[in-house]
Amino acid sequence: MTGNSGLDRHRSAAAVCVIGLLLCLCLPCGRGYGQSASRRNGAAAPVGPAPSAPAFLQALPADPLSIMAADPAGWRRAEFEVYRWKSLPEILIFDTASHAVQSALFKRLAFYVEKSGYTGRPSSFAALADKHGYTGHNYRARDLARFFDAVPASGLLPEERLLREVLLANGVIGYRARRHHPGAGGIISISRSSSPALRRLLLVHELSHGVFTADARYREGVGRLWSELSPAERRFWSLFLYGRDYNVRDITLVVNEFQAHLLQQPLTEVNAYFGRQIRLLARSYPSYAPFLTMFEDRYGGSFAAAAARLERLLAAPLSEGGESFYTVRARIFESR
């Protein structure tokens, strides 16, 4: 996910407790962590539209650059188009006409799955009216199934009902015995309301979540990198994500965002980006300013090194005969 809700100075006391808890967490590198069905994770769940799915619900095969260049006038519905990533068909990509459409589709999901203080309990759309959501989204099949089990059909927004139909039609979730069940992969979303530069950043960020969801080898590599971070580095990441309202008690979420934020900009810009974030955090959380000053002095150059390790993990093709995400990412950055 991406999108900053703003840092609240008055949350510093709560942050001390939460960040302290996170210092002892270290991601295990084994297969149990963050699993989802994948062609690179043993036997994969079937990927593709249900045989009886109406054509207008079926995701269109596409690559990220063609999605960026597509003319919305050619979309099958005015509000959004949904694509299946050719290189990772477990991942559906929603491109929405506006942030308002994106919010109607995904805002309640964001709070249910990721937002600190809201996870695991559905909120009404009205209760979230003055709350900031995200400008980019990603959800695993298991989280989507949980959400649609938690919210009765009568309580869904029209956009959420349509989302459910699309997910069922494309095998991301299933429904049997009055329960929703995870299928393969997950979904990501960007919006046409974002500027071209922001769309590029958001697309790379969200696609990296897709790779993390679908590729077990990449997840395990990220897990090893996380486990090698110093306590100070893990403390920084917990504070950084807490400041963006993520539920930092969810270690899978923390590590997934760790890799996505490192990859969302070119390698040459990584250290400068995080330098700005460190200084912003110091202003927003004065009680952490001494730690953050020390951290920038000692670890300010470490972000690019971590991103470079992630790039090496992404050098292999995403599918047989296909491109690597390293190449896809570079082409998105170069596009205008």
Foldseek 3Di string as FASTA:
>chain_A
DADFQFFALVCQVVLVVQLVVQLPDAFDLDLVPLAFAAPQNPDGFDWFFDPPADPLLGAAEDAPVCVLVDDCVPAPDNAWHKHQDNLGRLEIEIEGAAVVLVCLAPQQLQQCPWFPPRHVAGDAPVVCVVGDGHQKDKDALASLQSVPLRADPVRRDPNNVSVVSSCCRGQQWHDDPRGIGGGGFIYMYHYPHDDLVVRLLRVQLRVLLRCCNHHSLLVSLLSVLRNPDHSLVSSVLLLLVVSRRTHSVPVSVSSSNLLSLLLSDDLVCRLVVVVVSLVVSCVSHVVCVVSSVVCCVVCSPVSSVSNVSSLVSQCDRSHVVHGTSNVVSVVSNVDD
